[in-house]
Amino acid sequence: MNIETERKFLVRDSSYKDFETGSHDIKQGYIAHDSGNTVRVRLQDGRGVLTIKGPSAPGGMSRREWEKEIPADEALELFALCKGGKVEKVRHIVPAGGGRFFEVDEFSGDNEGLVMAEIELGSEDEAFEKPAWLGEEVTGDRRYYNSYLTVHPFKTWFDK
């Protein structure tokens, strides 16, 4: 089992697209998400993936993660077990230097208008260059977890 260490940021503008090296279409849902544990099913470019994540460490930057590729038809079947809605997004891959990449997620559907960037790091104190298009850090803010967005879509945040 791996330890995933990542930081999340809002994105100021679309200038990250000038540096993009690829993109992926993603649809995902959550079979379970409670007490910080999540079981996620994802279709990414027609590939199925099942992911289990443990609770986040204090600060929300690191957590245990197990991932396995599954047949796409099985992933589609598992969507029937998902709680809440689905998250749909295009993930843009942007080099960050030092062999690292930003994954910039441009959400659609009920989360349209939300654009976030994540960077996976080797440790919580690893330094990296922050490009001008990177906005406010939201690491550890549960409102920006994909599992939260399935139950509380971004569009509903402003209906109050």
N, C-alpha and C. Protein backbone atom coordinates (compact mmCIF):
# COMPACT_ATOMS: atom_id res chain seq x y z
N MET A 1 0.86 -1.18 0.00
CA MET A 1 0.00 0.00 0.00
C MET A 1 0.90 1.23 0.00
N ASN A 2 0.54 2.20 -0.79
CA ASN A 2 1.30 3.43 -0.90
C ASN A 2 0.81 4.49 0.07
N ILE A 3 1.67 5.47 0.34
CA ILE A 3 1.27 6.69 1.03
C ILE A 3 1.22 7.78 -0.04
N GLU A 4 0.05 8.38 -0.20
CA GLU A 4 -0.13 9.47 -1.16
C GLU A 4 0.06 10.78 -0.41
N THR A 5 0.96 11.62 -0.90
CA THR A 5 1.19 12.94 -0.31
C THR A 5 0.93 13.96 -1.41
N GLU A 6 -0.10 14.77 -1.23
CA GLU A 6 -0.44 15.75 -2.26
C GLU A 6 -0.92 17.04 -1.64
N ARG A 7 -0.75 18.10 -2.40
CA ARG A 7 -1.27 19.42 -2.02
C ARG A 7 -2.25 19.86 -3.09
N LYS A 8 -3.31 20.55 -2.66
CA LYS A 8 -4.38 20.99 -3.56
C LYS A 8 -4.48 22.50 -3.55
N PHE A 9 -4.77 23.05 -4.73
CA PHE A 9 -4.89 24.50 -4.90
C PHE A 9 -6.06 24.82 -5.82
N LEU A 10 -6.68 25.97 -5.61
CA LEU A 10 -7.59 26.50 -6.62
C LEU A 10 -6.74 27.06 -7.75
N VAL A 11 -7.35 27.26 -8.90
CA VAL A 11 -6.63 27.75 -10.07
C VAL A 11 -7.17 29.12 -10.44
N ARG A 12 -6.26 30.08 -10.63
CA ARG A 12 -6.63 31.49 -10.91
C ARG A 12 -7.16 31.71 -12.32
N ASP A 13 -6.52 31.06 -13.30
CA ASP A 13 -6.90 31.31 -14.70
C ASP A 13 -6.50 30.10 -15.54
N SER A 14 -6.81 30.16 -16.82
CA SER A 14 -6.58 29.00 -17.69
C SER A 14 -5.20 29.00 -18.36
N SER A 15 -4.27 29.83 -17.91
CA SER A 15 -2.95 29.88 -18.56
C SER A 15 -2.16 28.58 -18.38
N TYR A 16 -2.59 27.72 -17.44
CA TYR A 16 -1.94 26.41 -17.29
C TYR A 16 -2.04 25.60 -18.58
N LYS A 17 -3.07 25.86 -19.39
CA LYS A 17 -3.27 25.11 -20.64
C LYS A 17 -2.14 25.35 -21.64
N ASP A 18 -1.42 26.47 -21.49
CA ASP A 18 -0.28 26.75 -22.37
C ASP A 18 0.85 25.75 -22.15
N PHE A 19 0.87 25.08 -21.00
CA PHE A 19 1.95 24.17 -20.63
C PHE A 19 1.50 22.71 -20.58
N GLU A 20 0.23 22.47 -20.85
CA GLU A 20 -0.36 21.12 -20.76
C GLU A 20 0.32 20.16 -21.73
N THR A 21 0.60 18.93 -21.23
CA THR A 21 1.20 17.90 -22.08
C THR A 21 0.24 16.77 -22.40
N GLY A 22 -0.95 16.79 -21.82
CA GLY A 22 -1.95 15.75 -22.06
C GLY A 22 -3.17 15.98 -21.21
N SER A 23 -4.22 15.22 -21.47
CA SER A 23 -5.44 15.34 -20.66
C SER A 23 -6.17 13.99 -20.63
N HIS A 24 -7.05 13.85 -19.65
CA HIS A 24 -7.81 12.62 -19.45
C HIS A 24 -9.25 12.97 -19.09
N ASP A 25 -10.19 12.21 -19.65
CA ASP A 25 -11.59 12.33 -19.26
C ASP A 25 -11.84 11.37 -18.10
N ILE A 26 -12.42 11.89 -17.02
CA ILE A 26 -12.61 11.10 -15.81
C ILE A 26 -14.06 11.21 -15.33
N LYS A 27 -14.61 10.07 -14.96
CA LYS A 27 -15.91 10.00 -14.28
C LYS A 27 -15.67 9.11 -13.07
N GLN A 28 -16.10 9.56 -11.89
CA GLN A 28 -15.88 8.75 -10.69
C GLN A 28 -17.01 8.92 -9.70
N GLY A 29 -17.16 7.91 -8.87
CA GLY A 29 -18.16 7.92 -7.82
C GLY A 29 -17.60 7.20 -6.60
N TYR A 30 -18.32 7.30 -5.50
CA TYR A 30 -17.85 6.76 -4.23
C TYR A 30 -18.83 5.73 -3.70
N ILE A 31 -18.34 4.51 -3.55
CA ILE A 31 -19.13 3.42 -3.00
C ILE A 31 -19.28 3.61 -1.50
N ALA A 32 -18.22 4.10 -0.87
CA ALA A 32 -18.25 4.37 0.57
C ALA A 32 -17.35 5.55 0.85
N HIS A 33 -17.78 6.41 1.75
CA HIS A 33 -16.94 7.50 2.25
C HIS A 33 -17.45 7.92 3.62
N ASP A 34 -16.75 7.38 4.63
CA ASP A 34 -17.08 7.74 6.00
C ASP A 34 -15.84 7.57 6.88
N SER A 35 -15.78 8.31 7.96
CA SER A 35 -14.65 8.27 8.90
C SER A 35 -13.31 8.46 8.20
N GLY A 36 -13.32 9.18 7.09
CA GLY A 36 -12.08 9.45 6.37
C GLY A 36 -11.67 8.36 5.40
N ASN A 37 -12.34 7.20 5.44
CA ASN A 37 -12.05 6.12 4.50
C ASN A 37 -12.94 6.28 3.26
N THR A 38 -12.37 6.00 2.09
CA THR A 38 -13.17 6.07 0.87
C THR A 38 -12.89 4.87 -0.02
N VAL A 39 -13.93 4.45 -0.72
CA VAL A 39 -13.81 3.45 -1.78
C VAL A 39 -14.36 4.11 -3.03
N ARG A 40 -13.49 4.28 -4.02
CA ARG A 40 -13.84 5.04 -5.22
C ARG A 40 -13.75 4.13 -6.45
N VAL A 41 -14.68 4.32 -7.37
CA VAL A 41 -14.61 3.68 -8.68
C VAL A 41 -14.46 4.79 -9.71
N ARG A 42 -13.59 4.55 -10.68
CA ARG A 42 -13.29 5.59 -11.67
C ARG A 42 -13.22 4.97 -13.06
N LEU A 43 -13.71 5.73 -14.02
CA LEU A 43 -13.45 5.46 -15.44
C LEU A 43 -12.59 6.59 -15.94
N GLN A 44 -11.41 6.25 -16.42
CA GLN A 44 -10.50 7.27 -16.96
C GLN A 44 -10.10 6.83 -18.35
N ASP A 45 -10.53 7.61 -19.33
CA ASP A 45 -10.25 7.29 -20.72
C ASP A 45 -10.63 5.85 -21.06
N GLY A 46 -11.78 5.39 -20.50
CA GLY A 46 -12.27 4.06 -20.80
C GLY A 46 -11.67 2.94 -19.97
N ARG A 47 -10.76 3.26 -19.05
CA ARG A 47 -10.14 2.27 -18.15
C ARG A 47 -10.82 2.35 -16.79
N GLY A 48 -11.09 1.19 -16.19
CA GLY A 48 -11.67 1.15 -14.86
C GLY A 48 -10.59 1.09 -13.79
N VAL A 49 -10.83 1.78 -12.67
CA VAL A 49 -9.89 1.76 -11.55
C VAL A 49 -10.70 1.77 -10.26
N LEU A 50 -10.32 0.87 -9.34
CA LEU A 50 -10.91 0.84 -8.01
C LEU A 50 -9.84 1.31 -7.04
N THR A 51 -10.19 2.28 -6.18
CA THR A 51 -9.23 2.87 -5.24
C THR A 51 -9.82 2.85 -3.84
N ILE A 52 -9.00 2.48 -2.88
CA ILE A 52 -9.36 2.55 -1.47
C ILE A 52 -8.36 3.47 -0.79
N LYS A 53 -8.87 4.47 -0.07
CA LYS A 53 -8.01 5.42 0.64
C LYS A 53 -8.37 5.43 2.11
N GLY A 54 -7.34 5.57 2.95
CA GLY A 54 -7.54 5.69 4.38
C GLY A 54 -7.73 7.14 4.78
N PRO A 55 -7.93 7.38 6.07
CA PRO A 55 -8.11 8.76 6.54
C PRO A 55 -6.84 9.59 6.31
N SER A 56 -7.03 10.88 6.14
CA SER A 56 -5.90 11.80 5.96
C SER A 56 -5.18 12.00 7.29
N ALA A 57 -3.86 12.17 7.19
CA ALA A 57 -3.06 12.56 8.35
C ALA A 57 -3.43 13.99 8.73
N PRO A 58 -3.10 14.45 9.94
CA PRO A 58 -3.37 15.84 10.30
C PRO A 58 -2.84 16.80 9.23
N GLY A 59 -3.64 17.77 8.85
CA GLY A 59 -3.27 18.71 7.80
C GLY A 59 -3.80 18.30 6.44
N GLY A 60 -4.24 17.04 6.29
CA GLY A 60 -4.88 16.60 5.06
C GLY A 60 -3.97 16.33 3.89
N MET A 61 -2.65 16.28 4.11
CA MET A 61 -1.73 16.16 2.99
C MET A 61 -1.40 14.72 2.62
N SER A 62 -1.41 13.79 3.57
CA SER A 62 -0.99 12.41 3.31
C SER A 62 -2.05 11.42 3.77
N ARG A 63 -2.15 10.32 3.03
CA ARG A 63 -3.05 9.23 3.39
C ARG A 63 -2.65 7.96 2.67
N ARG A 64 -3.03 6.83 3.24
CA ARG A 64 -2.76 5.54 2.60
C ARG A 64 -3.69 5.36 1.42
N GLU A 65 -3.16 4.70 0.37
CA GLU A 65 -3.95 4.51 -0.85
C GLU A 65 -3.61 3.17 -1.48
N TRP A 66 -4.65 2.45 -1.89
CA TRP A 66 -4.51 1.20 -2.63
C TRP A 66 -5.32 1.35 -3.91
N GLU A 67 -4.74 0.93 -5.03
CA GLU A 67 -5.40 1.13 -6.32
C GLU A 67 -5.21 -0.10 -7.19
N LYS A 68 -6.25 -0.46 -7.95
CA LYS A 68 -6.20 -1.62 -8.82
C LYS A 68 -7.01 -1.34 -10.08
N GLU A 69 -6.42 -1.64 -11.24
CA GLU A 69 -7.16 -1.51 -12.49
C GLU A 69 -8.16 -2.65 -12.57
N ILE A 70 -9.38 -2.32 -13.01
CA ILE A 70 -10.44 -3.32 -13.19
C ILE A 70 -11.02 -3.14 -14.59
N PRO A 71 -11.69 -4.17 -15.12
CA PRO A 71 -12.31 -4.02 -16.43
C PRO A 71 -13.34 -2.88 -16.44
N ALA A 72 -13.41 -2.17 -17.55
CA ALA A 72 -14.32 -1.02 -17.66
C ALA A 72 -15.76 -1.43 -17.42
N ASP A 73 -16.19 -2.61 -17.88
CA ASP A 73 -17.57 -3.02 -17.68
C ASP A 73 -17.87 -3.25 -16.19
N GLU A 74 -16.88 -3.73 -15.43
CA GLU A 74 -17.07 -3.89 -14.00
C GLU A 74 -17.16 -2.53 -13.30
N ALA A 75 -16.35 -1.58 -13.76
CA ALA A 75 -16.42 -0.22 -13.19
C ALA A 75 -17.81 0.36 -13.43
N LEU A 76 -18.35 0.19 -14.62
CA LEU A 76 -19.70 0.69 -14.92
C LEU A 76 -20.74 0.04 -14.01
N GLU A 77 -20.60 -1.24 -13.74
CA GLU A 77 -21.53 -1.92 -12.83
C GLU A 77 -21.41 -1.36 -11.42
N LEU A 78 -20.19 -1.07 -10.98
CA LEU A 78 -19.97 -0.56 -9.62
C LEU A 78 -20.55 0.84 -9.42
N PHE A 79 -20.71 1.60 -10.51
CA PHE A 79 -21.32 2.94 -10.38
C PHE A 79 -22.72 2.84 -9.77
N ALA A 80 -23.40 1.71 -9.96
CA ALA A 80 -24.75 1.54 -9.40
C ALA A 80 -24.72 1.51 -7.87
N LEU A 81 -23.56 1.21 -7.28
CA LEU A 81 -23.43 1.15 -5.82
C LEU A 81 -22.99 2.47 -5.20
N CYS A 82 -22.70 3.46 -6.03
CA CYS A 82 -22.16 4.72 -5.53
C CYS A 82 -23.20 5.53 -4.77
N LYS A 83 -22.73 6.19 -3.71
CA LYS A 83 -23.57 7.08 -2.91
C LYS A 83 -23.40 8.49 -3.45
N GLY A 84 -24.47 9.24 -3.53
CA GLY A 84 -24.38 10.61 -4.03
C GLY A 84 -24.26 10.61 -5.54
N GLY A 85 -23.85 11.74 -6.08
CA GLY A 85 -23.72 11.89 -7.52
C GLY A 85 -22.36 11.41 -8.00
N LYS A 86 -22.07 11.72 -9.22
CA LYS A 86 -20.79 11.38 -9.83
C LYS A 86 -19.99 12.67 -10.05
N VAL A 87 -18.69 12.53 -10.07
CA VAL A 87 -17.81 13.63 -10.41
C VAL A 87 -17.33 13.40 -11.83
N GLU A 88 -17.48 14.43 -12.66
CA GLU A 88 -16.99 14.37 -14.03
C GLU A 88 -16.04 15.52 -14.23
N LYS A 89 -14.89 15.22 -14.87
CA LYS A 89 -13.87 16.25 -15.04
C LYS A 89 -12.91 15.88 -16.15
N VAL A 90 -12.23 16.89 -16.62
CA VAL A 90 -11.09 16.69 -17.52
C VAL A 90 -9.85 17.01 -16.70
N ARG A 91 -8.91 16.08 -16.68
CA ARG A 91 -7.67 16.27 -15.94
C ARG A 91 -6.58 16.66 -16.93
N HIS A 92 -6.02 17.84 -16.73
CA HIS A 92 -4.93 18.36 -17.57
C HIS A 92 -3.61 18.09 -16.85
N ILE A 93 -2.64 17.56 -17.57
CA ILE A 93 -1.33 17.25 -17.01
C ILE A 93 -0.37 18.38 -17.37
N VAL A 94 0.23 19.00 -16.33
CA VAL A 94 1.11 20.16 -16.52
C VAL A 94 2.42 19.90 -15.77
N PRO A 95 3.56 19.88 -16.48
CA PRO A 95 4.84 19.66 -15.81
C PRO A 95 5.10 20.71 -14.73
N ALA A 96 5.68 20.24 -13.60
CA ALA A 96 5.96 21.12 -12.47
C ALA A 96 7.46 21.23 -12.20
N GLY A 97 8.27 20.56 -13.00
CA GLY A 97 9.72 20.55 -12.77
C GLY A 97 10.10 19.45 -11.80
N GLY A 98 11.34 19.02 -11.87
CA GLY A 98 11.83 17.99 -10.97
C GLY A 98 11.14 16.65 -11.13
N GLY A 99 10.59 16.40 -12.32
CA GLY A 99 9.88 15.15 -12.55
C GLY A 99 8.47 15.09 -11.99
N ARG A 100 8.01 16.19 -11.42
CA ARG A 100 6.66 16.26 -10.86
C ARG A 100 5.70 16.88 -11.88
N PHE A 101 4.41 16.64 -11.65
CA PHE A 101 3.36 17.18 -12.51
C PHE A 101 2.22 17.73 -11.67
N PHE A 102 1.61 18.80 -12.16
CA PHE A 102 0.34 19.24 -11.62
C PHE A 102 -0.75 18.50 -12.39
N GLU A 103 -1.76 18.04 -11.69
CA GLU A 103 -2.96 17.50 -12.30
C GLU A 103 -4.03 18.56 -12.08
N VAL A 104 -4.43 19.22 -13.15
CA VAL A 104 -5.41 20.31 -13.05
C VAL A 104 -6.76 19.75 -13.49
N ASP A 105 -7.70 19.70 -12.54
CA ASP A 105 -9.02 19.15 -12.79
C ASP A 105 -10.01 20.26 -13.08
N GLU A 106 -10.58 20.19 -14.28
CA GLU A 106 -11.62 21.12 -14.72
C GLU A 106 -12.95 20.36 -14.68
N PHE A 107 -13.77 20.68 -13.69
CA PHE A 107 -14.98 19.93 -13.43
C PHE A 107 -16.11 20.33 -14.37
N SER A 108 -17.02 19.39 -14.60
CA SER A 108 -18.23 19.66 -15.40
C SER A 108 -19.44 19.16 -14.61
N GLY A 109 -20.59 19.19 -15.24
CA GLY A 109 -21.81 18.73 -14.56
C GLY A 109 -22.14 19.61 -13.37
N ASP A 110 -22.50 18.99 -12.24
CA ASP A 110 -22.91 19.73 -11.04
C ASP A 110 -21.76 20.49 -10.38
N ASN A 111 -20.53 20.22 -10.80
CA ASN A 111 -19.37 20.90 -10.24
C ASN A 111 -18.71 21.84 -11.25
N GLU A 112 -19.43 22.15 -12.33
CA GLU A 112 -18.90 23.05 -13.35
C GLU A 112 -18.52 24.38 -12.74
N GLY A 113 -17.39 24.91 -13.18
CA GLY A 113 -16.89 26.18 -12.67
C GLY A 113 -15.75 26.00 -11.68
N LEU A 114 -15.63 24.80 -11.13
CA LEU A 114 -14.55 24.52 -10.19
C LEU A 114 -13.33 24.00 -10.95
N VAL A 115 -12.18 24.60 -10.70
CA VAL A 115 -10.92 24.15 -11.30
C VAL A 115 -9.89 24.10 -10.17
N MET A 116 -9.34 22.90 -9.97
CA MET A 116 -8.35 22.68 -8.91
C MET A 116 -7.11 22.02 -9.47
N ALA A 117 -5.98 22.27 -8.83
CA ALA A 117 -4.71 21.64 -9.19
C ALA A 117 -4.18 20.86 -8.00
N GLU A 118 -3.65 19.68 -8.27
CA GLU A 118 -3.00 18.86 -7.25
C GLU A 118 -1.59 18.56 -7.70
N ILE A 119 -0.70 18.42 -6.75
CA ILE A 119 0.65 17.96 -7.04
C ILE A 119 0.99 16.88 -6.01
N GLU A 120 1.44 15.73 -6.50
CA GLU A 120 1.88 14.65 -5.61
C GLU A 120 3.35 14.85 -5.32
N LEU A 121 3.69 14.73 -4.04
CA LEU A 121 5.05 14.98 -3.57
C LEU A 121 5.63 13.73 -2.91
N GLY A 122 6.93 13.72 -2.76
CA GLY A 122 7.60 12.61 -2.11
C GLY A 122 7.53 12.70 -0.59
N SER A 123 7.34 13.91 -0.07
CA SER A 123 7.21 14.12 1.37
C SER A 123 6.42 15.40 1.61
N GLU A 124 5.93 15.57 2.81
CA GLU A 124 5.12 16.75 3.13
C GLU A 124 5.91 18.04 3.08
N ASP A 125 7.21 17.99 3.24
CA ASP A 125 8.01 19.22 3.24
C ASP A 125 8.78 19.43 1.93
N GLU A 126 8.47 18.64 0.91
CA GLU A 126 9.14 18.82 -0.39
C GLU A 126 8.76 20.16 -1.01
N ALA A 127 9.76 20.91 -1.43
CA ALA A 127 9.54 22.22 -2.06
C ALA A 127 9.23 22.02 -3.56
N PHE A 128 8.46 22.95 -4.12
CA PHE A 128 8.17 22.95 -5.56
C PHE A 128 7.85 24.38 -5.97
N GLU A 129 8.04 24.65 -7.25
CA GLU A 129 7.77 25.99 -7.77
C GLU A 129 6.27 26.16 -7.98
N LYS A 130 5.75 27.30 -7.53
CA LYS A 130 4.33 27.60 -7.68
C LYS A 130 4.13 28.58 -8.84
N PRO A 131 3.55 28.09 -9.94
CA PRO A 131 3.33 28.97 -11.09
C PRO A 131 2.28 30.04 -10.79
N ALA A 132 2.27 31.10 -11.59
CA ALA A 132 1.38 32.24 -11.37
C ALA A 132 -0.10 31.85 -11.44
N TRP A 133 -0.45 30.81 -12.19
CA TRP A 133 -1.86 30.42 -12.33
C TRP A 133 -2.38 29.66 -11.11
N LEU A 134 -1.48 29.29 -10.20
CA LEU A 134 -1.88 28.56 -8.99
C LEU A 134 -2.44 29.55 -7.98
N GLY A 135 -3.63 29.25 -7.45
CA GLY A 135 -4.28 30.14 -6.50
C GLY A 135 -4.18 29.65 -5.07
N GLU A 136 -5.21 29.92 -4.31
CA GLU A 136 -5.27 29.62 -2.88
C GLU A 136 -5.10 28.12 -2.62
N GLU A 137 -4.32 27.79 -1.60
CA GLU A 137 -4.16 26.39 -1.22
C GLU A 137 -5.39 25.94 -0.45
N VAL A 138 -5.92 24.74 -0.80
CA VAL A 138 -7.09 24.18 -0.14
C VAL A 138 -6.81 22.76 0.39
N THR A 139 -5.53 22.41 0.52
CA THR A 139 -5.16 21.12 1.08
C THR A 139 -5.82 20.96 2.45
N GLY A 140 -6.47 19.83 2.66
CA GLY A 140 -7.10 19.56 3.95
C GLY A 140 -8.49 20.15 4.12
N ASP A 141 -8.94 21.00 3.19
CA ASP A 141 -10.30 21.56 3.25
C ASP A 141 -11.24 20.54 2.61
N ARG A 142 -11.98 19.84 3.42
CA ARG A 142 -12.81 18.72 2.96
C ARG A 142 -13.82 19.12 1.88
N ARG A 143 -14.20 20.39 1.82
CA ARG A 143 -15.15 20.81 0.78
C ARG A 143 -14.61 20.55 -0.62
N TYR A 144 -13.30 20.47 -0.74
CA TYR A 144 -12.68 20.28 -2.05
C TYR A 144 -12.29 18.82 -2.30
N TYR A 145 -12.69 17.91 -1.43
CA TYR A 145 -12.49 16.48 -1.69
C TYR A 145 -13.55 16.04 -2.69
N ASN A 146 -13.17 15.23 -3.63
CA ASN A 146 -14.12 14.75 -4.63
C ASN A 146 -15.29 14.02 -3.99
N SER A 147 -15.05 13.28 -2.91
CA SER A 147 -16.14 12.56 -2.25
C SER A 147 -17.17 13.55 -1.68
N TYR A 148 -16.72 14.70 -1.18
CA TYR A 148 -17.63 15.74 -0.68
C TYR A 148 -18.43 16.33 -1.84
N LEU A 149 -17.77 16.52 -2.97
CA LEU A 149 -18.42 17.15 -4.13
C LEU A 149 -19.53 16.27 -4.72
N THR A 150 -19.49 14.96 -4.47
CA THR A 150 -20.57 14.10 -4.96
C THR A 150 -21.86 14.33 -4.18
N VAL A 151 -21.74 14.74 -2.93
CA VAL A 151 -22.90 14.95 -2.07
C VAL A 151 -23.28 16.43 -2.00
N HIS A 152 -22.28 17.31 -2.08
CA HIS A 152 -22.48 18.77 -2.01
C HIS A 152 -21.83 19.40 -3.24
N PRO A 153 -22.48 19.30 -4.40
CA PRO A 153 -21.87 19.82 -5.63
C PRO A 153 -21.55 21.31 -5.54
N PHE A 154 -20.49 21.68 -6.21
CA PHE A 154 -19.99 23.06 -6.22
C PHE A 154 -21.08 24.07 -6.58
N LYS A 155 -21.93 23.75 -7.56
CA LYS A 155 -22.98 24.68 -7.98
C LYS A 155 -23.93 25.02 -6.84
N THR A 156 -24.12 24.11 -5.87
CA THR A 156 -25.06 24.36 -4.78
C THR A 156 -24.47 25.26 -3.71
N TRP A 157 -23.16 25.48 -3.72
CA TRP A 157 -22.53 26.31 -2.71
C TRP A 157 -23.04 27.75 -2.76
N PHE A 158 -23.55 28.16 -3.89
CA PHE A 158 -23.93 29.56 -4.10
C PHE A 158 -25.43 29.76 -4.14
N ASP A 159 -26.20 28.69 -3.90
CA ASP A 159 -27.66 28.76 -3.94
C ASP A 159 -28.28 29.28 -2.66
N LYS A 160 -27.47 29.53 -1.66
CA LYS A 160 -28.00 29.91 -0.35
C LYS A 160 -28.22 31.39 -0.22
